[in-house]
N, C-alpha and C. Protein backbone atom coordinates (compact mmCIF):
# COMPACT_ATOMS: atom_id res chain seq x y z
N MET A 1 -33.45 -4.51 25.22
CA MET A 1 -32.17 -4.92 24.76
C MET A 1 -32.50 -5.21 23.70
N ALA A 2 -31.37 -5.09 22.36
CA ALA A 2 -31.27 -5.38 21.53
C ALA A 2 -31.07 -6.83 20.96
N GLU A 3 -31.56 -7.12 20.08
CA GLU A 3 -31.62 -8.86 19.74
C GLU A 3 -30.43 -9.34 19.20
N GLN A 4 -29.81 -10.25 19.96
CA GLN A 4 -28.80 -10.72 19.38
C GLN A 4 -28.69 -11.49 18.11
N ALA A 5 -27.57 -11.46 16.84
CA ALA A 5 -27.96 -12.06 16.15
C ALA A 5 -27.43 -13.56 15.97
N THR A 6 -27.87 -14.25 15.05
CA THR A 6 -27.78 -15.64 15.25
C THR A 6 -27.41 -16.31 13.54
N VAL A 7 -27.23 -17.63 13.67
CA VAL A 7 -26.79 -18.03 12.43
C VAL A 7 -28.34 -18.68 11.58
N GLY A 8 -28.11 -18.41 10.82
CA GLY A 8 -29.25 -18.25 10.30
C GLY A 8 -29.52 -17.14 8.88
N ILE A 9 -30.85 -16.82 8.16
CA ILE A 9 -31.10 -16.28 6.96
C ILE A 9 -30.71 -14.68 7.73
N VAL A 10 -29.90 -13.50 6.71
CA VAL A 10 -29.69 -12.56 7.63
C VAL A 10 -31.41 -11.68 6.54
N GLU A 11 -31.85 -11.07 7.42
CA GLU A 11 -32.84 -9.94 7.16
C GLU A 11 -32.56 -9.18 5.77
N GLY A 12 -33.39 -9.19 4.75
CA GLY A 12 -32.86 -8.57 3.59
C GLY A 12 -31.97 -8.69 2.40
N THR A 13 -31.71 -9.77 2.95
CA THR A 13 -30.31 -10.43 1.88
C THR A 13 -30.88 -11.69 1.32
N GLY A 14 -31.59 -12.66 2.21
CA GLY A 14 -32.13 -13.88 1.70
C GLY A 14 -30.50 -14.95 1.42
N THR A 15 -29.99 -14.44 2.17
CA THR A 15 -28.89 -15.66 2.49
C THR A 15 -28.41 -16.20 3.55
N THR A 16 -28.10 -17.13 3.73
CA THR A 16 -27.87 -18.02 5.58
C THR A 16 -26.84 -18.35 5.48
N GLY A 17 -26.36 -18.21 6.68
CA GLY A 17 -24.89 -18.72 7.17
C GLY A 17 -24.52 -17.25 7.46
N ALA A 18 -24.88 -16.60 7.45
CA ALA A 18 -23.98 -15.39 7.85
C ALA A 18 -24.57 -14.59 9.51
N VAL A 19 -23.04 -14.84 10.29
CA VAL A 19 -22.99 -14.20 11.03
C VAL A 19 -22.62 -12.82 12.07
N ALA A 20 -23.61 -12.03 12.36
CA ALA A 20 -23.16 -10.64 12.92
C ALA A 20 -21.60 -10.84 13.92
N HIS A 21 -21.66 -11.51 14.80
CA HIS A 21 -20.68 -11.44 15.78
C HIS A 21 -20.23 -13.07 15.76
N SER A 22 -18.93 -12.93 15.52
CA SER A 22 -18.72 -14.64 15.57
C SER A 22 -18.29 -15.09 16.86
N ALA A 23 -18.38 -16.27 17.45
CA ALA A 23 -18.37 -16.79 18.83
C ALA A 23 -17.31 -17.22 18.57
N GLY A 24 -16.61 -17.83 17.96
CA GLY A 24 -14.97 -18.79 17.76
C GLY A 24 -14.16 -17.53 18.01
N HIS A 25 -12.62 -18.46 18.52
CA HIS A 25 -11.80 -17.57 18.74
C HIS A 25 -10.76 -17.74 17.94
N MET A 26 -10.26 -16.02 18.06
CA MET A 26 -9.17 -15.83 16.63
C MET A 26 -7.76 -16.39 17.38
N PRO A 27 -7.06 -16.70 16.63
CA PRO A 27 -5.55 -17.15 16.92
C PRO A 27 -4.68 -15.85 17.74
N HIS A 28 -4.03 -16.26 18.56
CA HIS A 28 -2.96 -14.50 18.50
C HIS A 28 -1.93 -14.96 18.28
N ASN A 29 -1.45 -13.23 17.84
CA ASN A 29 -0.61 -12.99 17.08
C ASN A 29 0.44 -12.42 17.63
N SER A 30 1.43 -12.50 18.05
CA SER A 30 2.54 -11.68 19.20
C SER A 30 3.57 -11.26 18.13
N GLY A 31 3.08 -10.94 16.92
CA GLY A 31 4.39 -10.06 16.19
C GLY A 31 5.40 -10.42 15.81
N ARG A 32 5.81 -9.94 14.84
CA ARG A 32 7.78 -10.15 14.52
C ARG A 32 8.43 -9.68 15.85
N PRO A 33 9.55 -10.00 15.59
CA PRO A 33 10.41 -9.62 16.50
C PRO A 33 11.29 -8.92 16.01
N ILE A 34 11.38 -8.35 15.30
CA ILE A 34 11.69 -6.47 15.11
C ILE A 34 10.45 -5.99 15.34
N SER A 35 9.68 -5.67 15.73
CA SER A 35 8.90 -5.18 16.24
C SER A 35 9.01 -5.41 17.22
N TRP A 36 9.03 -6.26 18.44
CA TRP A 36 9.37 -5.84 19.36
C TRP A 36 10.63 -5.41 19.83
N VAL A 37 11.65 -5.59 19.03
CA VAL A 37 12.95 -4.86 19.29
C VAL A 37 12.80 -3.27 19.21
N GLY A 38 11.82 -2.72 18.68
CA GLY A 38 11.53 -1.42 17.77
C GLY A 38 10.41 -1.05 18.75
N THR A 39 10.04 -1.46 19.37
CA THR A 39 9.03 -0.93 20.59
C THR A 39 9.85 -1.24 22.01
N THR A 40 10.58 -1.90 21.79
CA THR A 40 11.14 -1.99 23.35
C THR A 40 12.74 -0.82 23.27
N VAL A 41 13.19 -0.28 21.84
CA VAL A 41 13.55 0.55 21.79
C VAL A 41 12.84 2.17 22.31
N VAL A 42 11.82 2.25 21.75
CA VAL A 42 11.16 3.55 22.00
C VAL A 42 11.01 3.88 23.86
N ILE A 43 10.73 2.47 23.93
CA ILE A 43 10.37 2.44 25.62
C ILE A 43 11.63 2.82 26.50
N VAL A 44 12.58 2.09 26.47
CA VAL A 44 13.94 2.22 26.66
C VAL A 44 14.13 4.01 26.58
N GLY A 45 13.90 4.41 25.16
CA GLY A 45 14.44 6.03 25.21
C GLY A 45 13.00 6.80 25.65
N PHE A 46 12.02 6.24 25.90
CA PHE A 46 10.77 7.22 26.72
C PHE A 46 10.81 7.38 28.32
N ILE A 47 11.89 6.22 28.82
CA ILE A 47 11.96 5.72 30.35
C ILE A 47 13.11 6.63 30.42
N ILE A 48 14.32 6.93 29.89
CA ILE A 48 15.40 7.40 29.96
C ILE A 48 14.83 8.90 30.22
N GLY A 49 14.17 9.53 29.12
CA GLY A 49 13.76 11.19 28.83
C GLY A 49 13.13 11.23 30.16
N GLY A 50 12.17 10.12 30.72
CA GLY A 50 11.39 10.74 31.53
C GLY A 50 12.19 10.80 32.97
N ILE A 51 13.48 9.64 33.06
CA ILE A 51 14.25 9.86 34.46
C ILE A 51 15.12 11.28 34.19
N ALA A 52 15.15 11.58 33.32
CA ALA A 52 15.95 12.83 33.30
C ALA A 52 15.38 13.80 33.95
N PHE A 53 14.03 14.09 33.57
CA PHE A 53 13.33 14.97 34.57
C PHE A 53 12.65 14.95 35.98
N VAL A 54 13.38 13.81 36.80
CA VAL A 54 13.14 13.24 38.25
C VAL A 54 14.06 14.59 39.17
N PRO A 55 15.16 14.06 39.10
CA PRO A 55 15.95 15.13 40.33
C PRO A 55 15.86 16.32 39.94
N GLY A 56 15.83 16.59 38.43
CA GLY A 56 16.22 18.29 37.89
C GLY A 56 16.17 17.75 36.60
N PRO A 57 15.86 18.98 35.56
CA PRO A 57 16.12 18.52 34.08
C PRO A 57 17.53 18.83 33.93
N ASN A 58 17.61 17.42 33.28
CA ASN A 58 18.89 17.47 33.16
C ASN A 58 18.97 16.99 31.32
N TRP A 59 19.11 17.92 30.89
CA TRP A 59 18.75 18.13 29.31
C TRP A 59 19.56 17.73 28.42
N ILE A 60 20.99 17.03 29.12
CA ILE A 60 20.92 15.80 28.04
C ILE A 60 21.33 14.61 27.95
N VAL A 61 20.73 14.25 29.56
CA VAL A 61 19.99 12.54 29.27
C VAL A 61 19.28 13.05 28.32
N PHE A 62 18.17 13.94 29.13
CA PHE A 62 16.67 13.95 28.03
C PHE A 62 17.00 13.44 26.57
N TRP A 63 18.18 14.29 26.08
CA TRP A 63 18.36 14.65 24.47
C TRP A 63 18.39 12.72 24.21
N VAL A 64 19.59 12.25 25.32
CA VAL A 64 20.46 10.62 24.67
C VAL A 64 18.94 9.84 24.79
N GLY A 65 17.86 10.49 25.55
CA GLY A 65 16.78 9.26 25.11
C GLY A 65 15.92 9.55 24.27
N THR A 66 16.17 10.68 23.91
CA THR A 66 15.29 11.13 22.79
C THR A 66 15.57 10.72 21.63
N ALA A 67 17.02 10.74 21.37
CA ALA A 67 17.83 9.89 20.26
C ALA A 67 17.42 8.72 20.51
N ILE A 68 17.12 8.15 21.32
CA ILE A 68 17.43 6.81 21.76
C ILE A 68 15.87 6.29 20.78
N ALA A 69 14.60 7.24 21.61
CA ALA A 69 13.54 6.95 20.72
C ALA A 69 13.30 7.09 19.64
N ILE A 70 13.66 7.73 19.35
CA ILE A 70 13.84 8.33 17.18
C ILE A 70 14.58 7.01 16.60
N VAL A 71 15.88 6.68 17.02
CA VAL A 71 16.10 5.20 16.46
C VAL A 71 14.78 4.32 16.86
N GLY A 72 14.44 4.21 17.79
CA GLY A 72 13.57 3.29 17.89
C GLY A 72 12.04 3.30 16.60
N CYS A 73 11.96 4.55 16.55
CA CYS A 73 10.79 4.57 15.35
C CYS A 73 11.22 4.51 14.00
N LEU A 74 12.52 5.02 13.86
CA LEU A 74 12.77 4.29 12.58
C LEU A 74 13.49 3.03 12.71
N ILE A 75 13.28 1.92 13.28
CA ILE A 75 13.70 0.99 13.01
C ILE A 75 12.11 -0.17 13.44
N LEU A 76 11.33 0.74 13.76
CA LEU A 76 9.49 0.28 13.18
C LEU A 76 9.47 0.98 12.17
N LEU A 77 9.65 1.91 11.91
CA LEU A 77 9.56 2.69 10.11
C LEU A 77 9.90 1.77 9.19
N PHE A 78 11.57 1.19 9.28
CA PHE A 78 11.96 0.37 8.36
C PHE A 78 11.91 -0.85 8.07
N SER A 79 10.83 -1.66 9.27
CA SER A 79 10.79 -2.73 9.45
C SER A 79 9.40 -2.85 9.01
N LYS A 80 8.79 -1.97 8.59
CA LYS A 80 7.13 -1.89 8.00
C LYS A 80 5.59 -2.36 9.27
N ALA A 81 6.71 -2.23 10.56
CA ALA A 81 5.62 -2.26 11.55
C ALA A 81 4.42 -1.81 11.49
N MET A 82 3.90 -0.50 11.08
CA MET A 82 2.90 -0.26 10.89
C MET A 82 2.43 -0.34 10.14
N HIS A 83 2.55 -1.47 8.85
CA HIS A 83 1.89 -1.81 7.86
C HIS A 83 1.44 -2.81 7.46
N THR A 84 1.61 -3.56 8.42
CA THR A 84 0.97 -4.82 8.55
C THR A 84 -0.09 -5.44 9.65
N ASP A 85 -0.99 -5.91 8.58
CA ASP A 85 -2.77 -6.05 9.37
C ASP A 85 -2.19 -7.18 10.04
N TRP A 86 -2.87 -7.15 11.52
CA TRP A 86 -2.41 -7.98 12.44
C TRP A 86 -3.81 -8.97 12.32
N TYR A 87 -5.05 -9.17 11.76
CA TYR A 87 -6.49 -9.82 11.60
C TYR A 87 -6.78 -10.34 10.84
């Protein structure tokens, strides 16, 4: 079994107080509302596109779902939801 890192001197550095794994709790970040809106729009588009295949392929409904998912992706792109560091 591997040894667990503890507070103290880190071998080879000569410094004290370094911890490999923090036992503290990181605060929860629920994200920005625009990120939730964009994600919801994408999910709705995928659901509509998936429902289009259930009874038989209904291509008009499929392409409507695809268009909705693309709009959601554009919302996420222009809101820079993918460029934000959450940690």
